[in-house]
C-alpha atoms as a PDB file:
ATOM      1  CA  MET A   1       3.119  23.309   0.291  1.00  0.00           C
ATOM      2  CA  ASN A   2       2.706  20.816   3.150  1.00  0.00           C
ATOM      3  CA  VAL A   3      -0.527  22.509   4.267  1.00  0.00           C
ATOM      4  CA  MET A   4      -1.922  22.200   0.746  1.00  0.00           C
ATOM      5  CA  ARG A   5      -0.765  18.591   0.512  1.00  0.00           C
ATOM      6  CA  THR A   6      -2.475  17.752   3.796  1.00  0.00           C
ATOM      7  CA  ALA A   7      -5.683  19.497   2.669  1.00  0.00           C
ATOM      8  CA  MET A   8      -5.664  17.597  -0.630  1.00  0.00           C
ATOM      9  CA  LEU A   9      -5.048  14.350   1.225  1.00  0.00           C
ATOM     10  CA  LEU A  10      -7.956  14.984   3.582  1.00  0.00           C
ATOM     11  CA  ALA A  11     -10.226  15.851   0.658  1.00  0.00           C
ATOM     12  CA  PHE A  12      -9.265  12.707  -1.240  1.00  0.00           C
ATOM     13  CA  MET A  13      -9.633  10.401   1.759  1.00  0.00           C
ATOM     14  CA  THR A  14     -12.973  12.003   2.651  1.00  0.00           C
ATOM     15  CA  ALA A  15     -14.222  11.532  -0.911  1.00  0.00           C
ATOM     16  CA  LEU A  16     -13.041   7.923  -0.823  1.00  0.00           C
ATOM     17  CA  PHE A  17     -14.808   7.412   2.486  1.00  0.00           C
ATOM     18  CA  MET A  18     -18.017   8.882   1.044  1.00  0.00           C
ATOM     19  CA  GLY A  19     -17.694   6.716  -2.047  1.00  0.00           C
ATOM     20  CA  ILE A  20     -17.549   3.591   0.074  1.00  0.00           C
ATOM     21  CA  GLY A  21     -20.596   4.783   1.991  1.00  0.00           C
ATOM     22  CA  PHE A  22     -22.449   5.270  -1.306  1.00  0.00           C
ATOM     23  CA  LEU A  23     -21.518   1.794  -2.494  1.00  0.00           C
ATOM     24  CA  ILE A  24     -22.705   0.273   0.765  1.00  0.00           C
ATOM     25  CA  GLY A  25     -25.867   2.261   1.420  1.00  0.00           C
ATOM     26  CA  GLY A  26     -26.575   4.603  -1.473  1.00  0.00           C
ATOM     27  CA  THR A  27     -27.167   8.309  -0.842  1.00  0.00           C
ATOM     28  CA  GLY A  28     -27.998   7.727   2.809  1.00  0.00           C
ATOM     29  CA  GLY A  29     -24.820   5.742   3.287  1.00  0.00           C
ATOM     30  CA  MET A  30     -22.812   8.469   1.586  1.00  0.00           C
ATOM     31  CA  MET A  31     -24.171  11.151   3.929  1.00  0.00           C
ATOM     32  CA  ILE A  32     -23.484   9.016   6.980  1.00  0.00           C
ATOM     33  CA  ALA A  33     -19.937   8.421   5.710  1.00  0.00           C
ATOM     34  CA  LEU A  34     -19.499  12.189   5.200  1.00  0.00           C
ATOM     35  CA  VAL A  35     -20.456  12.875   8.808  1.00  0.00           C
ATOM     36  CA  ILE A  36     -18.153  10.114  10.040  1.00  0.00           C
ATOM     37  CA  ALA A  37     -15.271  11.323   7.852  1.00  0.00           C
ATOM     38  CA  ALA A  38     -15.677  14.919   9.042  1.00  0.00           C
ATOM     39  CA  GLY A  39     -15.653  13.753  12.635  1.00  0.00           C
ATOM     40  CA  MET A  40     -12.618  11.540  12.043  1.00  0.00           C
ATOM     41  CA  ASN A  41     -10.697  14.338  10.311  1.00  0.00           C
ATOM     42  CA  LEU A  42     -11.265  16.607  13.277  1.00  0.00           C
ATOM     43  CA  PHE A  43     -10.502  13.879  15.782  1.00  0.00           C
ATOM     44  CA  SER A  44      -7.398  12.785  13.871  1.00  0.00           C
ATOM     45  CA  TYR A  45      -5.975  16.292  13.796  1.00  0.00           C
ATOM     46  CA  TRP A  46      -5.998  16.500  17.586  1.00  0.00           C
ATOM     47  CA  ASN A  47      -5.628  12.893  18.688  1.00  0.00           C
ATOM     48  CA  SER A  48      -4.135  10.668  15.979  1.00  0.00           C
ATOM     49  CA  ASP A  49      -0.645  10.955  17.495  1.00  0.00           C
ATOM     50  CA  LYS A  50      -1.934   9.687  20.837  1.00  0.00           C
ATOM     51  CA  MET A  51      -3.688   6.812  19.095  1.00  0.00           C
ATOM     52  CA  VAL A  52      -0.502   5.700  17.330  1.00  0.00           C
ATOM     53  CA  LEU A  53       1.618   5.933  20.485  1.00  0.00           C
ATOM     54  CA  SER A  54      -1.022   3.981  22.381  1.00  0.00           C
ATOM     55  CA  ALA A  55      -1.148   1.290  19.698  1.00  0.00           C
ATOM     56  CA  TYR A  56       2.549   0.596  20.298  1.00  0.00           C
ATOM     57  CA  HIS A  57       2.323   0.889  24.098  1.00  0.00           C
ATOM     58  CA  ALA A  58       4.884   3.702  23.973  1.00  0.00           C
ATOM     59  CA  GLN A  59       5.849   5.271  27.278  1.00  0.00           C
ATOM     60  CA  GLU A  60       7.239   8.763  27.679  1.00  0.00           C
ATOM     61  CA  VAL A  61      10.761   9.091  29.097  1.00  0.00           C
ATOM     62  CA  ASP A  62      12.618  12.122  30.394  1.00  0.00           C
ATOM     63  CA  ALA A  63      16.063  13.264  31.481  1.00  0.00           C
ATOM     64  CA  ARG A  64      15.781  11.289  34.708  1.00  0.00           C
ATOM     65  CA  SER A  65      14.530   7.950  33.380  1.00  0.00           C
ATOM     66  CA  ALA A  66      16.599   7.934  30.155  1.00  0.00           C
ATOM     67  CA  PRO A  67      19.249  10.669  30.403  1.00  0.00           C
ATOM     68  CA  GLU A  68      21.497   9.673  27.497  1.00  0.00           C
ATOM     69  CA  PHE A  69      18.684   9.091  25.013  1.00  0.00           C
ATOM     70  CA  TYR A  70      16.752  12.163  26.115  1.00  0.00           C
ATOM     71  CA  ASN A  71      19.843  14.385  25.925  1.00  0.00           C
ATOM     72  CA  MET A  72      20.611  13.032  22.466  1.00  0.00           C
ATOM     73  CA  ILE A  73      17.167  14.134  21.259  1.00  0.00           C
ATOM     74  CA  ARG A  74      17.618  17.499  22.975  1.00  0.00           C
ATOM     75  CA  ASP A  75      20.952  18.127  21.241  1.00  0.00           C
ATOM     76  CA  LEU A  76      19.699  16.986  17.849  1.00  0.00           C
ATOM     77  CA  SER A  77      16.582  19.134  18.185  1.00  0.00           C
ATOM     78  CA  ALA A  78      18.674  22.165  19.019  1.00  0.00           C
ATOM     79  CA  ASN A  79      20.888  21.393  16.048  1.00  0.00           C
ATOM     80  CA  ALA A  80      17.837  21.297  13.768  1.00  0.00           C
ATOM     81  CA  GLY A  81      16.353  24.458  15.280  1.00  0.00           C
ATOM     82  CA  LEU A  82      13.292  22.563  16.535  1.00  0.00           C
ATOM     83  CA  PRO A  83      11.399  22.705  19.824  1.00  0.00           C
ATOM     84  CA  MET A  84      12.124  19.738  22.068  1.00  0.00           C
ATOM     85  CA  PRO A  85       9.629  16.984  21.175  1.00  0.00           C
ATOM     86  CA  LYS A  86       8.216  14.501  23.625  1.00  0.00           C
ATOM     87  CA  VAL A  87      10.370  11.393  23.780  1.00  0.00           C
ATOM     88  CA  TYR A  88       8.918   7.881  23.898  1.00  0.00           C
ATOM     89  CA  VAL A  89      10.237   4.339  24.053  1.00  0.00           C
ATOM     90  CA  TYR A  90       8.195   1.272  23.167  1.00  0.00           C
ATOM     91  CA  ASP A  91       9.044  -2.276  24.165  1.00  0.00           C
ATOM     92  CA  ASN A  92       9.743  -4.240  20.987  1.00  0.00           C
ATOM     93  CA  PRO A  93      12.795  -6.285  19.943  1.00  0.00           C
ATOM     94  CA  GLN A  94      12.566  -5.114  16.324  1.00  0.00           C
ATOM     95  CA  PRO A  95      14.830  -2.061  15.843  1.00  0.00           C
ATOM     96  CA  ASN A  96      12.708   0.771  14.482  1.00  0.00           C
ATOM     97  CA  ALA A  97      11.471   4.296  15.197  1.00  0.00           C
ATOM     98  CA  PHE A  98       8.799   6.771  14.154  1.00  0.00           C
ATOM     99  CA  ALA A  99       7.693  10.371  14.673  1.00  0.00           C
ATOM    100  CA  THR A 100       4.199  11.754  15.100  1.00  0.00           C
ATOM    101  CA  GLY A 101       2.396  14.984  15.946  1.00  0.00           C
ATOM    102  CA  ARG A 102       0.411  17.683  14.182  1.00  0.00           C
ATOM    103  CA  ASN A 103       3.250  20.261  14.123  1.00  0.00           C
ATOM    104  CA  PRO A 104       6.769  20.834  15.494  1.00  0.00           C
ATOM    105  CA  GLN A 105       5.324  22.393  18.652  1.00  0.00           C
ATOM    106  CA  ASN A 106       3.256  19.257  19.360  1.00  0.00           C
ATOM    107  CA  ALA A 107       5.515  16.463  18.178  1.00  0.00           C
ATOM    108  CA  ALA A 108       6.850  13.207  19.568  1.00  0.00           C
ATOM    109  CA  VAL A 109       9.551  10.754  18.589  1.00  0.00           C
ATOM    110  CA  ALA A 110       9.488   7.096  19.566  1.00  0.00           C
ATOM    111  CA  ALA A 111      12.182   4.424  19.444  1.00  0.00           C
ATOM    112  CA  SER A 112      11.990   0.715  20.163  1.00  0.00           C
ATOM    113  CA  THR A 113      14.059  -0.964  22.827  1.00  0.00           C
ATOM    114  CA  GLY A 114      15.432  -3.125  20.026  1.00  0.00           C
ATOM    115  CA  LEU A 115      16.793  -0.036  18.286  1.00  0.00           C
ATOM    116  CA  MET A 116      18.846   0.949  21.301  1.00  0.00           C
ATOM    117  CA  GLN A 117      19.997  -2.568  22.029  1.00  0.00           C
ATOM    118  CA  ARG A 118      21.202  -3.352  18.512  1.00  0.00           C
ATOM    119  CA  LEU A 119      22.575  -0.029  17.232  1.00  0.00           C
ATOM    120  CA  THR A 120      25.494   2.106  18.313  1.00  0.00           C
ATOM    121  CA  HIS A 121      25.046   5.546  19.824  1.00  0.00           C
ATOM    122  CA  GLU A 122      25.972   7.128  16.496  1.00  0.00           C
ATOM    123  CA  GLU A 123      23.543   4.990  14.513  1.00  0.00           C
ATOM    124  CA  VAL A 124      20.703   5.786  16.917  1.00  0.00           C
ATOM    125  CA  ALA A 125      21.557   9.475  16.499  1.00  0.00           C
ATOM    126  CA  GLY A 126      21.236   9.101  12.730  1.00  0.00           C
ATOM    127  CA  VAL A 127      17.852   7.409  13.072  1.00  0.00           C
ATOM    128  CA  MET A 128      16.448   9.968  15.488  1.00  0.00           C
ATOM    129  CA  ALA A 129      17.767  12.827  13.324  1.00  0.00           C
ATOM    130  CA  HIS A 130      15.806  11.288  10.446  1.00  0.00           C
ATOM    131  CA  GLU A 131      12.650  11.342  12.586  1.00  0.00           C
ATOM    132  CA  LEU A 132      13.279  14.944  13.584  1.00  0.00           C
ATOM    133  CA  ALA A 133      13.608  15.752   9.874  1.00  0.00           C
ATOM    134  CA  HIS A 134      10.080  14.453   9.377  1.00  0.00           C
ATOM    135  CA  ILE A 135       8.923  16.810  12.107  1.00  0.00           C
ATOM    136  CA  GLN A 136      10.789  19.728  10.563  1.00  0.00           C
ATOM    137  CA  ASN A 137       9.390  18.925   7.114  1.00  0.00           C
ATOM    138  CA  ARG A 138       5.911  18.723   8.688  1.00  0.00           C
ATOM    139  CA  ASP A 139       5.428  15.221   7.362  1.00  0.00           C
ATOM    140  CA  THR A 140       4.104  13.902  10.653  1.00  0.00           C
ATOM    141  CA  LEU A 141       0.584  15.345  10.400  1.00  0.00           C
ATOM    142  CA  THR A 142       0.099  13.905   6.927  1.00  0.00           C
ATOM    143  CA  MET A 143       1.581  10.558   7.963  1.00  0.00           C
ATOM    144  CA  THR A 144      -0.519  10.194  11.094  1.00  0.00           C
ATOM    145  CA  ILE A 145      -3.829  11.299   9.570  1.00  0.00           C
ATOM    146  CA  THR A 146      -3.230   8.988   6.618  1.00  0.00           C
ATOM    147  CA  ALA A 147      -2.673   6.081   9.003  1.00  0.00           C
ATOM    148  CA  THR A 148      -5.909   6.842  10.867  1.00  0.00           C
ATOM    149  CA  LEU A 149      -8.103   7.262   7.775  1.00  0.00           C
ATOM    150  CA  ALA A 150      -6.559   4.340   5.912  1.00  0.00           C
ATOM    151  CA  GLY A 151      -7.334   2.118   8.869  1.00  0.00           C
ATOM    152  CA  ALA A 152     -10.904   3.448   8.947  1.00  0.00           C
ATOM    153  CA  ILE A 153     -11.353   2.809   5.223  1.00  0.00           C
ATOM    154  CA  SER A 154     -10.153  -0.762   5.667  1.00  0.00           C
ATOM    155  CA  MET A 155     -12.651  -1.245   8.492  1.00  0.00           C
ATOM    156  CA  LEU A 156     -15.403   0.197   6.319  1.00  0.00           C
ATOM    157  CA  GLY A 157     -14.461  -2.270   3.595  1.00  0.00           C
ATOM    158  CA  ASN A 158     -14.897  -5.105   6.109  1.00  0.00           C
ATOM    159  CA  PHE A 159     -18.207  -3.559   7.116  1.00  0.00           C
ATOM    160  CA  ALA A 160     -19.309  -3.784   3.495  1.00  0.00           C
ATOM    161  CA  PHE A 161     -18.712  -7.513   3.540  1.00  0.00           C
ATOM    162  CA  PHE A 162     -21.207  -8.047   6.344  1.00  0.00           C
ATOM    163  CA  PHE A 163     -23.870  -5.494   5.494  1.00  0.00           C
ATOM    164  CA  GLY A 164     -23.384  -4.568   1.849  1.00  0.00           C
ATOM    165  CA  GLY A 165     -25.276  -7.538   0.499  1.00  0.00           C
ATOM    166  CA  ASN A 166     -28.540  -6.569   2.140  1.00  0.00           C
ATOM    167  CA  ARG A 167     -31.132  -5.878  -0.554  1.00  0.00           C
ATOM    168  CA  GLU A 168     -32.653  -3.125   1.537  1.00  0.00           C
ATOM    169  CA  ASN A 169     -29.482  -1.053   1.862  1.00  0.00           C
ATOM    170  CA  ASN A 170     -30.195   1.057  -1.272  1.00  0.00           C
ATOM    171  CA  ASN A 171     -26.882   0.044  -2.812  1.00  0.00           C
ATOM    172  CA  PRO A 172     -27.227   1.193  -6.442  1.00  0.00           C
ATOM    173  CA  LEU A 173     -24.591  -1.214  -7.744  1.00  0.00           C
ATOM    174  CA  GLY A 174     -25.633  -4.275  -5.790  1.00  0.00           C
ATOM    175  CA  PHE A 175     -23.029  -6.939  -5.205  1.00  0.00           C
ATOM    176  CA  ILE A 176     -20.556  -5.238  -7.546  1.00  0.00           C
ATOM    177  CA  GLY A 177     -20.611  -2.182  -5.297  1.00  0.00           C
ATOM    178  CA  VAL A 178     -19.893  -4.365  -2.298  1.00  0.00           C
ATOM    179  CA  ILE A 179     -16.873  -5.889  -4.047  1.00  0.00           C
ATOM    180  CA  VAL A 180     -15.585  -2.435  -4.954  1.00  0.00           C
ATOM    181  CA  ALA A 181     -16.023  -1.257  -1.355  1.00  0.00           C
ATOM    182  CA  MET A 182     -14.296  -4.360  -0.011  1.00  0.00           C
ATOM    183  CA  ILE A 183     -11.285  -4.393  -2.341  1.00  0.00           C
ATOM    184  CA  VAL A 184     -10.813  -1.293  -4.461  1.00  0.00           C
ATOM    185  CA  ALA A 185     -11.303   1.370  -1.780  1.00  0.00           C
ATOM    186  CA  PRO A 186      -8.867  -0.098   0.788  1.00  0.00           C
ATOM    187  CA  PHE A 187      -6.426  -0.684  -2.065  1.00  0.00           C
ATOM    188  CA  ALA A 188      -6.694   2.974  -3.113  1.00  0.00           C
ATOM    189  CA  ALA A 189      -6.048   4.064   0.488  1.00  0.00           C
ATOM    190  CA  MET A 190      -3.003   1.793   0.576  1.00  0.00           C
ATOM    191  CA  LEU A 191      -1.640   3.370  -2.612  1.00  0.00           C
ATOM    192  CA  VAL A 192      -1.977   6.826  -1.054  1.00  0.00           C
ATOM    193  CA  GLN A 193       0.027   5.654   1.951  1.00  0.00           C
ATOM    194  CA  MET A 194       2.724   4.232  -0.270  1.00  0.00           C
ATOM    195  CA  ALA A 195       3.004   7.343  -2.424  1.00  0.00           C
ATOM    196  CA  ILE A 196       3.335   9.587   0.625  1.00  0.00           C
ATOM    197  CA  SER A 197       5.924   7.412   2.330  1.00  0.00           C
ATOM    198  CA  ARG A 198       8.095   6.773  -0.712  1.00  0.00           C
ATOM    199  CA  THR A 199       8.394  10.446  -1.652  1.00  0.00           C
ATOM    200  CA  ARG A 200       9.189  11.734   1.845  1.00  0.00           C
ATOM    201  CA  GLU A 201      11.837   9.226   2.973  1.00  0.00           C
ATOM    202  CA  TYR A 202      14.681  10.441   0.747  1.00  0.00           C
ATOM    203  CA  SER A 203      14.134  14.029   1.860  1.00  0.00           C
ATOM    204  CA  ALA A 204      14.095  13.013   5.524  1.00  0.00           C
ATOM    205  CA  ASP A 205      17.239  10.910   5.035  1.00  0.00           C
ATOM    206  CA  ARG A 206      19.119  13.869   3.607  1.00  0.00           C
ATOM    207  CA  ARG A 207      17.939  16.373   6.204  1.00  0.00           C
ATOM    208  CA  GLY A 208      18.516  13.853   8.992  1.00  0.00           C
ATOM    209  CA  ALA A 209      22.095  13.370   7.828  1.00  0.00           C
ATOM    210  CA  GLU A 210      22.575  17.133   7.952  1.00  0.00           C
ATOM    211  CA  ILE A 211      21.136  17.324  11.464  1.00  0.00           C
ATOM    212  CA  CYS A 212      23.361  14.595  12.929  1.00  0.00           C
ATOM    213  CA  GLY A 213      26.357  15.614  10.831  1.00  0.00           C
ATOM    214  CA  ASN A 214      27.325  12.253   9.308  1.00  0.00           C
ATOM    215  CA  PRO A 215      25.306  10.511   6.568  1.00  0.00           C
ATOM    216  CA  LEU A 216      27.135   7.235   7.189  1.00  0.00           C
ATOM    217  CA  TRP A 217      25.634   6.934  10.683  1.00  0.00           C
ATOM    218  CA  LEU A 218      22.160   6.781   9.166  1.00  0.00           C
ATOM    219  CA  ALA A 219      23.299   4.576   6.281  1.00  0.00           C
ATOM    220  CA  SER A 220      24.736   2.028   8.723  1.00  0.00           C
ATOM    221  CA  ALA A 221      21.570   2.179  10.834  1.00  0.00           C
ATOM    222  CA  LEU A 222      19.313   1.582   7.827  1.00  0.00           C
ATOM    223  CA  ALA A 223      21.276  -1.526   6.865  1.00  0.00           C
ATOM    224  CA  LYS A 224      20.986  -2.977  10.372  1.00  0.00           C
ATOM    225  CA  ILE A 225      17.303  -2.116  10.781  1.00  0.00           C
ATOM    226  CA  ALA A 226      16.336  -3.502   7.368  1.00  0.00           C
ATOM    227  CA  GLY A 227      18.156  -6.744   8.086  1.00  0.00           C
ATOM    228  CA  ALA A 228      16.501  -7.180  11.457  1.00  0.00           C
ATOM    229  CA  ALA A 229      13.011  -6.065  10.395  1.00  0.00           C
ATOM    230  CA  HIS A 230      12.522  -9.144   8.212  1.00  0.00           C
ATOM    231  CA  GLN A 231      13.778 -11.482  10.931  1.00  0.00           C
ATOM    232  CA  ILE A 232      12.133 -10.030  14.043  1.00  0.00           C
ATOM    233  CA  PRO A 233       8.341  -9.691  13.871  1.00  0.00           C
ATOM    234  CA  ASN A 234       6.577  -6.590  15.142  1.00  0.00           C
ATOM    235  CA  TYR A 235       3.204  -7.942  16.199  1.00  0.00           C
ATOM    236  CA  ASP A 236       1.790  -4.515  17.063  1.00  0.00           C
ATOM    237  CA  ALA A 237       2.587  -3.347  13.526  1.00  0.00           C
ATOM    238  CA  GLU A 238       1.032  -6.498  12.053  1.00  0.00           C
ATOM    239  CA  ARG A 239      -2.163  -5.636  13.947  1.00  0.00           C
ATOM    240  CA  ASN A 240      -1.983  -2.010  12.751  1.00  0.00           C
ATOM    241  CA  PRO A 241      -0.678  -2.226   9.146  1.00  0.00           C
ATOM    242  CA  ALA A 242      -2.046   1.226   8.314  1.00  0.00           C
ATOM    243  CA  THR A 243       0.757   2.709  10.444  1.00  0.00           C
ATOM    244  CA  ALA A 244       3.605   0.924   8.611  1.00  0.00           C
ATOM    245  CA  HIS A 245       4.495   3.966   6.500  1.00  0.00           C
ATOM    246  CA  MET A 246       5.307   5.975   9.655  1.00  0.00           C
ATOM    247  CA  PHE A 247       8.404   3.939  10.528  1.00  0.00           C
ATOM    248  CA  ILE A 248      11.913   4.579   9.251  1.00  0.00           C
ATOM    249  CA  ILE A 249      11.905   1.021   7.825  1.00  0.00           C
ATOM    250  CA  ASN A 250       8.758  -0.936   7.012  1.00  0.00           C
ATOM    251  CA  PRO A 251       8.024  -2.993  10.164  1.00  0.00           C
ATOM    252  CA  LEU A 252       5.937  -5.545   8.266  1.00  0.00           C
ATOM    253  CA  SER A 253       7.407  -8.659   6.727  1.00  0.00           C
ATOM    254  CA  GLY A 254       7.725  -9.211   2.993  1.00  0.00           C
ATOM    255  CA  GLU A 255       8.290  -5.667   1.686  1.00  0.00           C
ATOM    256  CA  ARG A 256      11.709  -5.851   0.025  1.00  0.00           C
ATOM    257  CA  MET A 257      11.400  -4.305  -3.423  1.00  0.00           C
ATOM    258  CA  ASP A 258      11.281  -0.681  -4.501  1.00  0.00           C
ATOM    259  CA  ASN A 259       8.070  -1.084  -6.503  1.00  0.00           C
ATOM    260  CA  LEU A 260       4.480   0.085  -6.552  1.00  0.00           C
ATOM    261  CA  PHE A 261       3.533  -2.102  -3.604  1.00  0.00           C
ATOM    262  CA  SER A 262       6.299  -1.068  -1.208  1.00  0.00           C
ATOM    263  CA  THR A 263       5.573   1.405   1.572  1.00  0.00           C
ATOM    264  CA  HIS A 264       9.226   2.498   1.636  1.00  0.00           C
ATOM    265  CA  PRO A 265      11.909   3.091  -0.982  1.00  0.00           C
ATOM    266  CA  ASP A 266      14.458   0.329  -1.418  1.00  0.00           C
ATOM    267  CA  THR A 267      16.905   0.454   1.496  1.00  0.00           C
ATOM    268  CA  GLY A 268      19.859  -0.089  -0.818  1.00  0.00           C
ATOM    269  CA  ASN A 269      18.890   2.984  -2.822  1.00  0.00           C
ATOM    270  CA  ARG A 270      18.577   5.044   0.355  1.00  0.00           C
ATOM    271  CA  ILE A 271      21.992   3.881   1.579  1.00  0.00           C
ATOM    272  CA  ALA A 272      23.559   4.682  -1.798  1.00  0.00           C
ATOM    273  CA  ALA A 273      22.121   8.213  -1.662  1.00  0.00           C
ATOM    274  CA  LEU A 274      23.530   8.707   1.832  1.00  0.00           C
ATOM    275  CA  GLN A 275      26.942   7.408   0.783  1.00  0.00           C
ATOM    276  CA  GLN A 276      26.928   9.876  -2.081  1.00  0.00           C
ATOM    277  CA  MET A 277      26.019  12.602   0.369  1.00  0.00           C
ATOM    278  CA  ALA A 278      28.921  11.539   2.597  1.00  0.00           C
ATOM    279  CA  GLY A 279      31.205  12.119  -0.357  1.00  0.00           C
ATOM    280  CA  GLU A 280      29.779  15.621  -0.731  1.00  0.00           C
ATOM    281  CA  PHE A 281      30.415  16.223   2.972  1.00  0.00           C
ATOM    282  CA  SER A 282      34.021  15.108   2.632  1.00  0.00           C
ATOM    283  CA  ASN A 283      34.444  17.571  -0.227  1.00  0.00           C
ATOM    284  CA  GLY A 284      33.317  20.406   2.004  1.00  0.00           C
ATOM    285  CA  ASN A 285      29.723  20.722   0.791  1.00  0.00           C
ATOM    286  CA  ARG A 286      27.701  20.317   4.009  1.00  0.00           C
ATOM    287  CA  GLY A 287      24.560  22.042   2.768  1.00  0.00           C
ATOM    288  CA  ASN A 288      22.712  23.747   5.610  1.00  0.00           C
ATOM    289  CA  ALA A 289      23.996  21.398   8.282  1.00  0.00           C
ATOM    290  CA  SER A 290      24.994  22.795  11.636  1.00  0.00           C
ATOM    291  CA  THR A 291      26.499  20.095  13.817  1.00  0.00           C
ATOM    292  CA  ALA A 292      28.117  22.042  16.597  1.00  0.00           C
ATOM    293  CA  GLY A 293      25.321  21.210  19.000  1.00  0.00           C
ATOM    294  CA  PHE A 294      25.628  17.427  18.769  1.00  0.00           C
ATOM    295  CA  GLN A 295      28.558  15.433  20.037  1.00  0.00           C
ATOM    296  CA  ALA A 296      29.058  11.756  19.253  1.00  0.00           C
ATOM    297  CA  ASP A 297      32.835  11.374  19.404  1.00  0.00           C
ATOM    298  CA  ARG A 298      32.792   8.649  22.016  1.00  0.00           C
ATOM    299  CA  PRO A 299      33.954   5.029  21.925  1.00  0.00           C
ATOM    300  CA  GLN A 300      31.430   2.638  20.489  1.00  0.00           C
ATOM    301  CA  ARG A 301      30.052   0.200  23.031  1.00  0.00           C
ATOM    302  CA  THR A 302      29.064  -3.372  22.480  1.00  0.00           C
ATOM    303  CA  ALA A 303      26.370  -3.613  25.174  1.00  0.00           C
ATOM    304  CA  ARG A 304      24.091  -1.235  26.995  1.00  0.00           C
ATOM    305  CA  SER A 305      20.938  -1.098  28.998  1.00  0.00           C
ATOM    306  CA  VAL A 306      17.878   0.690  27.663  1.00  0.00           C
ATOM    307  CA  PRO A 307      15.460   3.121  29.280  1.00  0.00           C
ATOM    308  CA  ASN A 308      13.063   1.151  31.393  1.00  0.00           C
ATOM    309  CA  THR A 309      10.550   2.950  33.555  1.00  0.00           C
ATOM    310  CA  GLY A 310       8.409   0.000  34.478  1.00  0.00           C
ATOM    311  CA  TRP A 311       6.259  -0.020  31.368  1.00  0.00           C
ATOM    312  CA  GLY A 312       7.460  -3.369  30.019  1.00  0.00           C
ATOM    313  CA  ARG A 313       4.711  -5.893  29.584  1.00  0.00           C
ATOM    314  CA  GLY A 314       4.396  -8.125  32.589  1.00  0.00           C
ATOM    315  CA  SER A 315       6.201  -5.655  34.849  1.00  0.00           C
ATOM    316  CA  ASP A 316       4.584  -4.818  38.171  1.00  0.00           C
ATOM    317  CA  GLU A 317       7.297  -2.706  39.774  1.00  0.00           C
ATOM    318  CA  PRO A 318       8.785   0.401  38.123  1.00  0.00           C
ATOM    319  CA  ARG A 319      12.415  -0.127  37.204  1.00  0.00           C
ATOM    320  CA  LYS A 320      15.043   2.464  36.642  1.00  0.00           C
ATOM    321  CA  GLY A 321      18.112   2.376  34.476  1.00  0.00           C
ATOM    322  CA  PRO A 322      19.687   4.892  32.116  1.00  0.00           C
ATOM    323  CA  TRP A 323      20.614   4.003  28.556  1.00  0.00           C
ATOM    324  CA  SER A 324      24.358   3.781  29.122  1.00  0.00           C
END
């Protein structure tokens, strides 16, 4: 099902890309757009995860540089029956996280320093279990390719603004075609992003709660992240809005309502679903969860350091320090 969904997505985005090319440059523009789209599809399949991680200046950590965080991911992955993904941390005060990769064997999870500073160990476990659920559901390929192509379509729309008005570009619809390329096509790509994100989040919430073993950990985390996301700007996300749907909570400002123009379902609705699931857990219905491999029965701490391997902006000397 996910393979077919990804194939349909690629076909739709390619057709949209070709349509913009036609509106800008006629048949010649459409053929050029087809070649570009084919190249981008191939490139995105192999490299889109690296592009997203690079956009957020994420740095890989391991058992030596971030033992507690790395071991948490290891235990949660084992609990989900997944291969160990690569683990990244990116320097940003906004609490948030995302997953990427073309399949479970080539996956990565990334968390912000703000996430680990502001959330408890248990809440972070709920968040990272949610991201592992995306990997297990094979959402990450669709999410990452969508981000890459949506960004490209937006750039092509801007390109139309500068070159679409040329009378010699063989544009069959003239200025109207330029307007369509500038507005309608990027808008259509945005709607695809929204549809994908909104339908997958509830499933990942439920599976993530099963992986970590307590739906209320994730529910509490979502409330904290949503509250902070509208107060703490994520400038990297503002520069790369096509990636917003990849995060557990929309990192952009202004998206509060569960409507057509929201990249994520309403947080209150997600929390309510998790609370209902917690009631099912308390009644003995734990679904397919297997929580023996993850331990979180430790005192909650009010302060902690975060993994820092010298990648912080403005840092010249590598610094060490476990998340403890």
